[in-house]
PDB file of N, CA and C in Angstrom:
ATOM      1  N   UNK A   1       9.620  32.521   2.105  1.00  0.00           N
ATOM      2  CA  UNK A   1       8.254  32.488   2.556  1.00  0.00           C
ATOM      3  C   UNK A   1       7.324  31.833   1.531  1.00  0.00           C
ATOM      4  N   UNK A   2       6.521  30.830   1.855  1.00  0.00           N
ATOM      5  CA  UNK A   2       5.443  30.445   0.806  1.00  0.00           C
ATOM      6  C   UNK A   2       4.359  31.148   0.588  1.00  0.00           C
ATOM      7  N   UNK A   3       4.040  31.155  -0.590  1.00  0.00           N
ATOM      8  CA  UNK A   3       2.743  32.069  -1.078  1.00  0.00           C
ATOM      9  C   UNK A   3       1.489  31.125  -1.076  1.00  0.00           C
ATOM     10  N   UNK A   4       1.718  29.882  -0.863  1.00  0.00           N
ATOM     11  CA  UNK A   4       0.186  29.122  -0.706  1.00  0.00           C
ATOM     12  C   UNK A   4       0.386  27.973   0.657  1.00  0.00           C
ATOM     13  N   UNK A   5       0.204  28.068   1.621  1.00  0.00           N
ATOM     14  CA  UNK A   5       0.621  27.031   2.766  1.00  0.00           C
ATOM     15  C   UNK A   5      -0.213  25.587   2.494  1.00  0.00           C
ATOM     16  N   UNK A   6      -1.281  25.870   2.066  1.00  0.00           N
ATOM     17  CA  UNK A   6      -2.291  24.491   1.582  1.00  0.00           C
ATOM     18  C   UNK A   6      -1.615  23.762   0.314  1.00  0.00           C
ATOM     19  N   UNK A   7      -0.914  24.295  -0.503  1.00  0.00           N
ATOM     20  CA  UNK A   7      -0.347  23.640  -1.645  1.00  0.00           C
ATOM     21  C   UNK A   7       1.004  23.250  -1.012  1.00  0.00           C
ATOM     22  N   UNK A   8       1.788  23.780  -0.009  1.00  0.00           N
ATOM     23  CA  UNK A   8       2.995  23.299   0.480  1.00  0.00           C
ATOM     24  C   UNK A   8       2.539  21.959   1.404  1.00  0.00           C
ATOM     25  N   UNK A   9       1.509  22.216   2.203  1.00  0.00           N
ATOM     26  CA  UNK A   9       1.080  20.881   2.914  1.00  0.00           C
ATOM     27  C   UNK A   9       0.514  19.751   2.122  1.00  0.00           C
ATOM     28  N   UNK A  10      -0.123  20.072   0.758  1.00  0.00           N
ATOM     29  CA  UNK A  10      -0.220  18.963  -0.066  1.00  0.00           C
ATOM     30  C   UNK A  10       0.752  18.380  -0.608  1.00  0.00           C
ATOM     31  N   UNK A  11       1.678  19.260  -1.049  1.00  0.00           N
ATOM     32  CA  UNK A  11       2.840  18.617  -1.332  1.00  0.00           C
ATOM     33  C   UNK A  11       3.589  17.935  -0.595  1.00  0.00           C
ATOM     34  N   UNK A  12       3.914  18.210   0.670  1.00  0.00           N
ATOM     35  CA  UNK A  12       4.564  17.316   1.879  1.00  0.00           C
ATOM     36  C   UNK A  12       3.838  15.890   2.091  1.00  0.00           C
ATOM     37  N   UNK A  13       2.476  15.926   1.994  1.00  0.00           N
ATOM     38  CA  UNK A  13       1.604  14.853   2.215  1.00  0.00           C
ATOM     39  C   UNK A  13       1.863  13.859   0.930  1.00  0.00           C
ATOM     40  N   UNK A  14       1.747  14.404  -0.288  1.00  0.00           N
ATOM     41  CA  UNK A  14       2.071  13.424  -1.347  1.00  0.00           C
ATOM     42  C   UNK A  14       3.641  12.777  -1.484  1.00  0.00           C
ATOM     43  N   UNK A  15       4.301  13.678  -0.998  1.00  0.00           N
ATOM     44  CA  UNK A  15       5.895  13.109  -1.023  1.00  0.00           C
ATOM     45  C   UNK A  15       5.995  12.087  -0.187  1.00  0.00           C
ATOM     46  N   UNK A  16       5.368  12.459   1.026  1.00  0.00           N
ATOM     47  CA  UNK A  16       5.349  11.482   2.318  1.00  0.00           C
ATOM     48  C   UNK A  16       4.749  10.134   1.769  1.00  0.00           C
ATOM     49  N   UNK A  17       3.458  10.127   1.214  1.00  0.00           N
ATOM     50  CA  UNK A  17       2.930   8.956   0.616  1.00  0.00           C
ATOM     51  C   UNK A  17       3.709   8.399  -0.519  1.00  0.00           C
ATOM     52  N   UNK A  18       4.245   9.081  -1.297  1.00  0.00           N
ATOM     53  CA  UNK A  18       5.118   8.395  -2.354  1.00  0.00           C
ATOM     54  C   UNK A  18       6.370   7.737  -1.742  1.00  0.00           C
ATOM     55  N   UNK A  19       6.956   8.367  -0.745  1.00  0.00           N
ATOM     56  CA  UNK A  19       8.127   7.635  -0.082  1.00  0.00           C
ATOM     57  C   UNK A  19       7.577   6.135   0.685  1.00  0.00           C
ATOM     58  N   UNK A  20       6.462   6.218   1.370  1.00  0.00           N
ATOM     59  CA  UNK A  20       5.848   5.075   1.763  1.00  0.00           C
ATOM     60  C   UNK A  20       5.822   4.112   0.627  1.00  0.00           C
ATOM     61  N   UNK A  21       5.281   4.406  -0.450  1.00  0.00           N
ATOM     62  CA  UNK A  21       4.795   3.584  -1.535  1.00  0.00           C
ATOM     63  C   UNK A  21       6.361   2.862  -2.096  1.00  0.00           C
ATOM     64  N   UNK A  22       7.092   3.725  -2.347  1.00  0.00           N
ATOM     65  CA  UNK A  22       8.416   3.255  -2.991  1.00  0.00           C
ATOM     66  C   UNK A  22       9.346   2.503  -2.107  1.00  0.00           C
ATOM     67  N   UNK A  23       9.357   2.911  -0.806  1.00  0.00           N
ATOM     68  CA  UNK A  23      10.227   2.081   0.129  1.00  0.00           C
ATOM     69  C   UNK A  23       9.594   1.220   1.132  1.00  0.00           C
ATOM     70  N   UNK A  24       8.087   0.839   0.557  1.00  0.00           N
ATOM     71  CA  UNK A  24       7.504  -0.242   1.300  1.00  0.00           C
ATOM     72  C   UNK A  24       7.441  -0.120   2.703  1.00  0.00           C
ATOM     73  N   UNK A  25       6.864   1.021   3.152  1.00  0.00           N
ATOM     74  CA  UNK A  25       6.734   1.458   4.467  1.00  0.00           C
ATOM     75  C   UNK A  25       5.240   1.572   4.877  1.00  0.00           C
ATOM     76  N   UNK A  26       4.438   0.621   4.665  1.00  0.00           N
ATOM     77  CA  UNK A  26       2.943   0.690   5.007  1.00  0.00           C
ATOM     78  C   UNK A  26       2.869   0.736   6.489  1.00  0.00           C
ATOM     79  N   UNK A  27       3.523   0.503   7.173  1.00  0.00           N
ATOM     80  CA  UNK A  27       3.274   0.530   8.593  1.00  0.00           C
ATOM     81  C   UNK A  27       3.394   2.024   9.335  1.00  0.00           C
ATOM     82  N   UNK A  28       3.774   2.997   8.347  1.00  0.00           N
ATOM     83  CA  UNK A  28       3.634   4.548   8.643  1.00  0.00           C
ATOM     84  C   UNK A  28       2.408   4.860   8.134  1.00  0.00           C
ATOM     85  N   UNK A  29       1.336   4.306   7.458  1.00  0.00           N
ATOM     86  CA  UNK A  29      -0.038   4.943   7.149  1.00  0.00           C
ATOM     87  C   UNK A  29      -0.636   5.452   7.971  1.00  0.00           C
ATOM     88  N   UNK A  30      -0.862   4.918   9.380  1.00  0.00           N
ATOM     89  CA  UNK A  30      -1.708   5.555  10.558  1.00  0.00           C
ATOM     90  C   UNK A  30      -1.174   6.802  10.746  1.00  0.00           C
ATOM     91  N   UNK A  31       0.125   7.011  10.788  1.00  0.00           N
ATOM     92  CA  UNK A  31       0.495   8.416  11.257  1.00  0.00           C
ATOM     93  C   UNK A  31       0.555   9.441  10.071  1.00  0.00           C
ATOM     94  N   UNK A  32       0.295   8.869   8.747  1.00  0.00           N
ATOM     95  CA  UNK A  32       0.215   9.805   7.510  1.00  0.00           C
ATOM     96  C   UNK A  32      -1.192   9.982   7.572  1.00  0.00           C
ATOM     97  N   UNK A  33      -2.092   9.251   7.895  1.00  0.00           N
ATOM     98  CA  UNK A  33      -3.486   9.390   8.090  1.00  0.00           C
ATOM     99  C   UNK A  33      -3.755  10.667   9.237  1.00  0.00           C
ATOM    100  N   UNK A  34      -3.113  10.422  10.356  1.00  0.00           N
ATOM    101  CA  UNK A  34      -3.321  11.448  11.359  1.00  0.00           C
ATOM    102  C   UNK A  34      -2.945  12.668  10.644  1.00  0.00           C
ATOM    103  N   UNK A  35      -1.704  12.978  10.240  1.00  0.00           N
ATOM    104  CA  UNK A  35      -1.205  14.198   9.710  1.00  0.00           C
ATOM    105  C   UNK A  35      -2.020  14.767   8.623  1.00  0.00           C
ATOM    106  N   UNK A  36      -2.527  14.114   7.786  1.00  0.00           N
ATOM    107  CA  UNK A  36      -3.576  14.512   6.585  1.00  0.00           C
ATOM    108  C   UNK A  36      -4.665  15.089   7.386  1.00  0.00           C
ATOM    109  N   UNK A  37      -5.363  14.612   8.300  1.00  0.00           N
ATOM    110  CA  UNK A  37      -6.371  15.007   9.241  1.00  0.00           C
ATOM    111  C   UNK A  37      -6.166  16.440  10.004  1.00  0.00           C
ATOM    112  N   UNK A  38      -4.944  16.503  10.336  1.00  0.00           N
ATOM    113  CA  UNK A  38      -4.635  17.650  11.071  1.00  0.00           C
ATOM    114  C   UNK A  38      -4.628  18.970  10.036  1.00  0.00           C
ATOM    115  N   UNK A  39      -4.563  18.945   8.840  1.00  0.00           N
ATOM    116  CA  UNK A  39      -4.576  19.935   7.837  1.00  0.00           C
ATOM    117  C   UNK A  39      -5.988  20.010   7.430  1.00  0.00           C
ATOM    118  N   UNK A  40      -6.010  21.436   7.032  1.00  0.00           N
ATOM    119  CA  UNK A  40      -7.591  21.875   6.331  1.00  0.00           C
ATOM    120  C   UNK A  40      -7.424  21.640   4.865  1.00  0.00           C
ATOM    121  N   UNK A  41      -7.584  20.487   4.524  1.00  0.00           N
ATOM    122  CA  UNK A  41      -7.475  20.020   2.876  1.00  0.00           C
ATOM    123  C   UNK A  41      -8.594  19.071   2.732  1.00  0.00           C
ATOM    124  N   UNK A  42      -9.617  19.563   2.430  1.00  0.00           N
ATOM    125  CA  UNK A  42     -11.024  18.768   2.316  1.00  0.00           C
ATOM    126  C   UNK A  42     -10.710  17.561   1.290  1.00  0.00           C
ATOM    127  N   UNK A  43     -10.341  17.936   0.224  1.00  0.00           N
ATOM    128  CA  UNK A  43     -10.129  16.814  -0.781  1.00  0.00           C
ATOM    129  C   UNK A  43      -9.171  15.806  -0.583  1.00  0.00           C
ATOM    130  N   UNK A  44      -8.230  16.192   0.425  1.00  0.00           N
ATOM    131  CA  UNK A  44      -7.319  14.933   1.101  1.00  0.00           C
ATOM    132  C   UNK A  44      -7.911  14.309   2.010  1.00  0.00           C
ATOM    133  N   UNK A  45      -8.973  14.871   2.818  1.00  0.00           N
ATOM    134  CA  UNK A  45      -9.665  14.304   3.807  1.00  0.00           C
ATOM    135  C   UNK A  45     -10.437  13.287   3.186  1.00  0.00           C
ATOM    136  N   UNK A  46     -11.017  13.525   1.993  1.00  0.00           N
ATOM    137  CA  UNK A  46     -11.829  12.507   1.422  1.00  0.00           C
ATOM    138  C   UNK A  46     -10.987  11.271   0.882  1.00  0.00           C
ATOM    139  N   UNK A  47      -9.878  11.694   0.564  1.00  0.00           N
ATOM    140  CA  UNK A  47      -8.717  10.519   0.241  1.00  0.00           C
ATOM    141  C   UNK A  47      -8.538   9.652   1.570  1.00  0.00           C
ATOM    142  N   UNK A  48      -8.273  10.245   2.495  1.00  0.00           N
ATOM    143  CA  UNK A  48      -8.172   9.674   3.599  1.00  0.00           C
ATOM    144  C   UNK A  48      -8.985   8.680   4.055  1.00  0.00           C
ATOM    145  N   UNK A  49     -10.261   9.334   3.871  1.00  0.00           N
ATOM    146  CA  UNK A  49     -11.401   8.462   4.471  1.00  0.00           C
ATOM    147  C   UNK A  49     -11.771   7.226   3.599  1.00  0.00           C
ATOM    148  N   UNK A  50     -11.417   7.356   2.338  1.00  0.00           N
ATOM    149  CA  UNK A  50     -11.328   6.175   1.441  1.00  0.00           C
ATOM    150  C   UNK A  50     -10.439   5.142   1.905  1.00  0.00           C
ATOM    151  N   UNK A  51      -9.183   5.692   2.378  1.00  0.00           N
ATOM    152  CA  UNK A  51      -8.237   4.652   2.518  1.00  0.00           C
ATOM    153  C   UNK A  51      -8.466   3.942   3.919  1.00  0.00           C
ATOM    154  N   UNK A  52      -9.041   4.788   4.577  1.00  0.00           N
ATOM    155  CA  UNK A  52      -9.335   4.288   6.178  1.00  0.00           C
ATOM    156  C   UNK A  52     -10.307   3.147   5.993  1.00  0.00           C
ATOM    157  N   UNK A  53     -11.416   3.271   4.962  1.00  0.00           N
ATOM    158  CA  UNK A  53     -12.285   2.291   4.778  1.00  0.00           C
ATOM    159  C   UNK A  53     -11.780   0.825   4.582  1.00  0.00           C
ATOM    160  N   UNK A  54     -10.636   0.653   4.011  1.00  0.00           N
ATOM    161  CA  UNK A  54      -9.954  -0.454   3.692  1.00  0.00           C
ATOM    162  C   UNK A  54      -8.519  -0.531   4.027  1.00  0.00           C
ATOM    163  N   UNK A  55      -8.404   0.012   5.248  1.00  0.00           N
ATOM    164  CA  UNK A  55      -7.012   0.151   5.904  1.00  0.00           C
ATOM    165  C   UNK A  55      -6.150  -0.911   5.775  1.00  0.00           C
ATOM    166  N   UNK A  56      -6.389  -1.918   6.181  1.00  0.00           N
ATOM    167  CA  UNK A  56      -5.526  -3.392   6.166  1.00  0.00           C
ATOM    168  C   UNK A  56      -5.081  -3.564   4.807  1.00  0.00           C
ATOM    169  N   UNK A  57      -6.103  -3.587   3.739  1.00  0.00           N
ATOM    170  CA  UNK A  57      -5.466  -3.726   2.293  1.00  0.00           C
ATOM    171  C   UNK A  57      -4.593  -2.809   2.090  1.00  0.00           C
ATOM    172  N   UNK A  58      -4.695  -1.426   2.243  1.00  0.00           N
ATOM    173  CA  UNK A  58      -4.021  -0.499   1.975  1.00  0.00           C
ATOM    174  C   UNK A  58      -2.351  -0.780   2.576  1.00  0.00           C
ATOM    175  N   UNK A  59      -2.513  -1.140   3.770  1.00  0.00           N
ATOM    176  CA  UNK A  59      -1.411  -1.365   4.459  1.00  0.00           C
ATOM    177  C   UNK A  59      -0.556  -2.493   3.868  1.00  0.00           C
ATOM    178  N   UNK A  60      -1.254  -3.516   3.405  1.00  0.00           N
ATOM    179  CA  UNK A  60      -0.547  -4.702   2.900  1.00  0.00           C
ATOM    180  C   UNK A  60       0.038  -4.443   1.500  1.00  0.00           C
ATOM    181  N   UNK A  61      -0.784  -3.353   0.698  1.00  0.00           N
ATOM    182  CA  UNK A  61      -0.360  -3.030  -0.549  1.00  0.00           C
ATOM    183  C   UNK A  61       0.943  -2.076  -0.458  1.00  0.00           C
ATOM    184  N   UNK A  62       1.018  -1.431   0.581  1.00  0.00           N
ATOM    185  CA  UNK A  62       2.318  -0.632   0.761  1.00  0.00           C
ATOM    186  C   UNK A  62       3.429  -1.344   1.100  1.00  0.00           C
ATOM    187  N   UNK A  63       3.096  -2.595   1.762  1.00  0.00           N
ATOM    188  CA  UNK A  63       3.939  -3.385   2.496  1.00  0.00           C
ATOM    189  C   UNK A  63       4.756  -4.505   1.755  1.00  0.00           C
ATOM    190  N   UNK A  64       3.743  -5.203   1.326  1.00  0.00           N
ATOM    191  CA  UNK A  64       4.158  -6.688   0.809  1.00  0.00           C
ATOM    192  C   UNK A  64       4.702  -6.361  -0.679  1.00  0.00           C
ATOM    193  N   UNK A  65       5.485  -7.342  -1.230  1.00  0.00           N
ATOM    194  CA  UNK A  65       6.194  -7.294  -2.433  1.00  0.00           C
ATOM    195  C   UNK A  65       5.151  -7.561  -3.671  1.00  0.00           C
ATOM    196  N   UNK A  66       4.216  -8.553  -3.397  1.00  0.00           N
ATOM    197  CA  UNK A  66       3.427  -8.792  -4.334  1.00  0.00           C
ATOM    198  C   UNK A  66       2.319  -7.889  -4.984  1.00  0.00           C
ATOM    199  N   UNK A  67       2.016  -7.923  -5.971  1.00  0.00           N
ATOM    200  CA  UNK A  67       0.903  -7.100  -6.648  1.00  0.00           C
ATOM    201  C   UNK A  67       0.059  -7.743  -7.699  1.00  0.00           C
ATOM    202  N   UNK A  68      -1.142  -7.120  -8.073  1.00  0.00           N
ATOM    203  CA  UNK A  68      -1.711  -7.779  -9.287  1.00  0.00           C
ATOM    204  C   UNK A  68      -1.657  -7.132 -10.582  1.00  0.00           C
ATOM    205  N   UNK A  69      -0.516  -6.393 -10.836  1.00  0.00           N
ATOM    206  CA  UNK A  69      -0.211  -5.646 -11.890  1.00  0.00           C
ATOM    207  C   UNK A  69      -0.529  -6.545 -13.051  1.00  0.00           C
ATOM    208  N   UNK A  70       0.074  -7.750 -13.104  1.00  0.00           N
ATOM    209  CA  UNK A  70       0.128  -8.556 -14.253  1.00  0.00           C
ATOM    210  C   UNK A  70      -1.386  -9.109 -14.728  1.00  0.00           C
ATOM    211  N   UNK A  71      -2.186  -9.324 -13.808  1.00  0.00           N
ATOM    212  CA  UNK A  71      -3.526  -9.667 -13.708  1.00  0.00           C
ATOM    213  C   UNK A  71      -4.156  -8.452 -14.478  1.00  0.00           C
ATOM    214  N   UNK A  72      -4.152  -7.255 -13.679  1.00  0.00           N
ATOM    215  CA  UNK A  72      -4.790  -5.995 -14.401  1.00  0.00           C
ATOM    216  C   UNK A  72      -4.324  -5.808 -15.714  1.00  0.00           C
ATOM    217  N   UNK A  73      -2.999  -6.024 -16.142  1.00  0.00           N
ATOM    218  CA  UNK A  73      -2.737  -5.930 -17.535  1.00  0.00           C
ATOM    219  C   UNK A  73      -3.528  -6.858 -18.427  1.00  0.00           C
ATOM    220  N   UNK A  74      -3.782  -8.059 -18.149  1.00  0.00           N
ATOM    221  CA  UNK A  74      -4.500  -8.698 -18.926  1.00  0.00           C
ATOM    222  C   UNK A  74      -6.018  -8.484 -19.003  1.00  0.00           C
ATOM    223  N   UNK A  75      -6.619  -8.006 -17.775  1.00  0.00           N
ATOM    224  CA  UNK A  75      -7.756  -7.525 -17.797  1.00  0.00           C
ATOM    225  C   UNK A  75      -8.069  -6.365 -18.948  1.00  0.00           C
ATOM    226  N   UNK A  76      -7.103  -5.608 -18.575  1.00  0.00           N
ATOM    227  CA  UNK A  76      -7.181  -4.195 -19.655  1.00  0.00           C
ATOM    228  C   UNK A  76      -7.103  -4.670 -21.092  1.00  0.00           C
ATOM    229  N   UNK A  77      -6.300  -5.740 -21.353  1.00  0.00           N
ATOM    230  CA  UNK A  77      -6.141  -5.904 -22.787  1.00  0.00           C
ATOM    231  C   UNK A  77      -7.365  -6.752 -23.287  1.00  0.00           C
ATOM    232  N   UNK A  78      -7.880  -7.527 -22.432  1.00  0.00           N
ATOM    233  CA  UNK A  78      -9.169  -8.314 -22.733  1.00  0.00           C
ATOM    234  C   UNK A  78     -10.490  -7.266 -23.130  1.00  0.00           C
ATOM    235  N   UNK A  79     -10.229  -6.219 -22.136  1.00  0.00           N
ATOM    236  CA  UNK A  79     -11.420  -5.346 -22.285  1.00  0.00           C
ATOM    237  C   UNK A  79     -11.231  -4.374 -23.599  1.00  0.00           C
ATOM    238  N   UNK A  80     -10.068  -4.065 -23.965  1.00  0.00           N
ATOM    239  CA  UNK A  80      -9.512  -3.304 -25.181  1.00  0.00           C
ATOM    240  C   UNK A  80     -10.043  -4.293 -26.196  1.00  0.00           C
ATOM    241  N   UNK A  81      -9.843  -5.544 -26.403  1.00  0.00           N
ATOM    242  CA  UNK A  81     -10.312  -6.393 -27.602  1.00  0.00           C
ATOM    243  C   UNK A  81     -11.738  -6.518 -27.672  1.00  0.00           C
ATOM    244  N   UNK A  82     -12.480  -6.358 -26.405  1.00  0.00           N
ATOM    245  CA  UNK A  82     -13.900  -6.476 -26.546  1.00  0.00           C
ATOM    246  C   UNK A  82     -14.587  -5.154 -27.020  1.00  0.00           C
ATOM    247  N   UNK A  83     -13.766  -3.964 -26.628  1.00  0.00           N
ATOM    248  CA  UNK A  83     -14.428  -2.786 -27.220  1.00  0.00           C
ATOM    249  C   UNK A  83     -14.197  -2.690 -28.615  1.00  0.00           C
ATOM    250  N   UNK A  84     -13.181  -3.169 -29.380  1.00  0.00           N
ATOM    251  CA  UNK A  84     -12.951  -3.213 -30.679  1.00  0.00           C
ATOM    252  C   UNK A  84     -13.764  -3.961 -31.470  1.00  0.00           C
ATOM    253  N   UNK A  85     -14.212  -4.942 -30.648  1.00  0.00           N
ATOM    254  CA  UNK A  85     -15.444  -5.828 -31.555  1.00  0.00           C
ATOM    255  C   UNK A  85     -16.700  -5.334 -31.152  1.00  0.00           C
ATOM    256  N   UNK A  86     -17.024  -4.193 -30.437  1.00  0.00           N
ATOM    257  CA  UNK A  86     -18.530  -3.985 -29.883  1.00  0.00           C
ATOM    258  C   UNK A  86     -19.425  -4.119 -30.990  1.00  0.00           C
ATOM    259  N   UNK A  87     -20.619  -4.974 -30.671  1.00  0.00           N
ATOM    260  CA  UNK A  87     -21.524  -5.275 -31.621  1.00  0.00           C
ATOM    261  C   UNK A  87     -21.353  -6.048 -32.685  1.00  0.00           C
ATOM    262  N   UNK A  88     -20.184  -6.581 -33.141  1.00  0.00           N
ATOM    263  CA  UNK A  88     -19.723  -7.222 -34.341  1.00  0.00           C
ATOM    264  C   UNK A  88     -19.802  -8.606 -34.298  1.00  0.00           C
ATOM    265  N   UNK A  89     -19.442  -9.210 -32.936  1.00  0.00           N
ATOM    266  CA  UNK A  89     -19.387 -10.584 -32.872  1.00  0.00           C
ATOM    267  C   UNK A  89     -19.792 -11.149 -31.698  1.00  0.00           C
ATOM    268  N   UNK A  90     -19.974 -12.428 -31.584  1.00  0.00           N
ATOM    269  CA  UNK A  90     -20.190 -12.959 -30.299  1.00  0.00           C
ATOM    270  C   UNK A  90     -19.155 -13.471 -29.332  1.00  0.00           C
ATOM    271  N   UNK A  91     -19.408 -14.228 -28.407  1.00  0.00           N
ATOM    272  CA  UNK A  91     -18.407 -14.641 -27.474  1.00  0.00           C
ATOM    273  C   UNK A  91     -17.564 -15.576 -28.082  1.00  0.00           C
ATOM    274  N   UNK A  92     -17.637 -16.425 -29.132  1.00  0.00           N
ATOM    275  CA  UNK A  92     -16.916 -17.209 -29.745  1.00  0.00           C
ATOM    276  C   UNK A  92     -15.805 -16.616 -30.259  1.00  0.00           C
ATOM    277  N   UNK A  93     -15.861 -15.517 -31.243  1.00  0.00           N
ATOM    278  CA  UNK A  93     -14.937 -14.727 -31.872  1.00  0.00           C
ATOM    279  C   UNK A  93     -14.179 -14.152 -30.629  1.00  0.00           C
ATOM    280  N   UNK A  94     -14.647 -13.494 -29.664  1.00  0.00           N
ATOM    281  CA  UNK A  94     -13.947 -12.808 -28.795  1.00  0.00           C
ATOM    282  C   UNK A  94     -12.989 -13.857 -28.038  1.00  0.00           C
ATOM    283  N   UNK A  95     -13.453 -15.117 -27.922  1.00  0.00           N
ATOM    284  CA  UNK A  95     -12.730 -16.093 -27.320  1.00  0.00           C
ATOM    285  C   UNK A  95     -11.325 -16.208 -28.095  1.00  0.00           C
ATOM    286  N   UNK A  96     -11.515 -16.443 -29.337  1.00  0.00           N
ATOM    287  CA  UNK A  96     -10.445 -16.757 -30.152  1.00  0.00           C
ATOM    288  C   UNK A  96      -9.485 -15.587 -30.240  1.00  0.00           C
ATOM    289  N   UNK A  97      -9.829 -14.369 -30.369  1.00  0.00           N
ATOM    290  CA  UNK A  97      -9.051 -13.125 -30.172  1.00  0.00           C
ATOM    291  C   UNK A  97      -8.202 -13.204 -28.973  1.00  0.00           C
ATOM    292  N   UNK A  98      -8.861 -13.365 -27.895  1.00  0.00           N
ATOM    293  CA  UNK A  98      -8.032 -13.296 -26.615  1.00  0.00           C
ATOM    294  C   UNK A  98      -7.106 -14.319 -26.531  1.00  0.00           C
ATOM    295  N   UNK A  99      -7.449 -15.548 -27.130  1.00  0.00           N
ATOM    296  CA  UNK A  99      -6.634 -16.769 -27.214  1.00  0.00           C
ATOM    297  C   UNK A  99      -5.257 -16.560 -28.038  1.00  0.00           C
ATOM    298  N   UNK A 100      -5.642 -15.839 -29.170  1.00  0.00           N
ATOM    299  CA  UNK A 100      -4.615 -15.549 -30.342  1.00  0.00           C
ATOM    300  C   UNK A 100      -3.666 -14.548 -29.684  1.00  0.00           C
ATOM    301  N   UNK A 101      -3.976 -13.530 -29.011  1.00  0.00           N
ATOM    302  CA  UNK A 101      -3.468 -12.350 -28.529  1.00  0.00           C
ATOM    303  C   UNK A 101      -2.425 -12.659 -27.479  1.00  0.00           C
ATOM    304  N   UNK A 102      -2.506 -13.933 -26.790  1.00  0.00           N
ATOM    305  CA  UNK A 102      -1.606 -14.323 -25.911  1.00  0.00           C
ATOM    306  C   UNK A 102      -0.363 -14.333 -26.273  1.00  0.00           C
TER     307      UNK A 102
END
């Protein structure tokens, strides 16, 4: 017997979402969203509402093999270099550091 049915429901929903993500089953997203809305989990409803706003992109992200991980990595690296130089130099030095870091 479960001590916290809400926590069990939350665990079930997140495991189901993780399975969709790892097995590229984006077509299951509408059913997952419906199941989430059936439970009384307000924070998960907020997540579902956010996903619903860009449903097609989320389904594509859960289904297609392509991703922007490499681009995001480069953006994060450039932001880190910029933060390291905050207030010390202009664009020319930042440009040189970015080019040398590649």
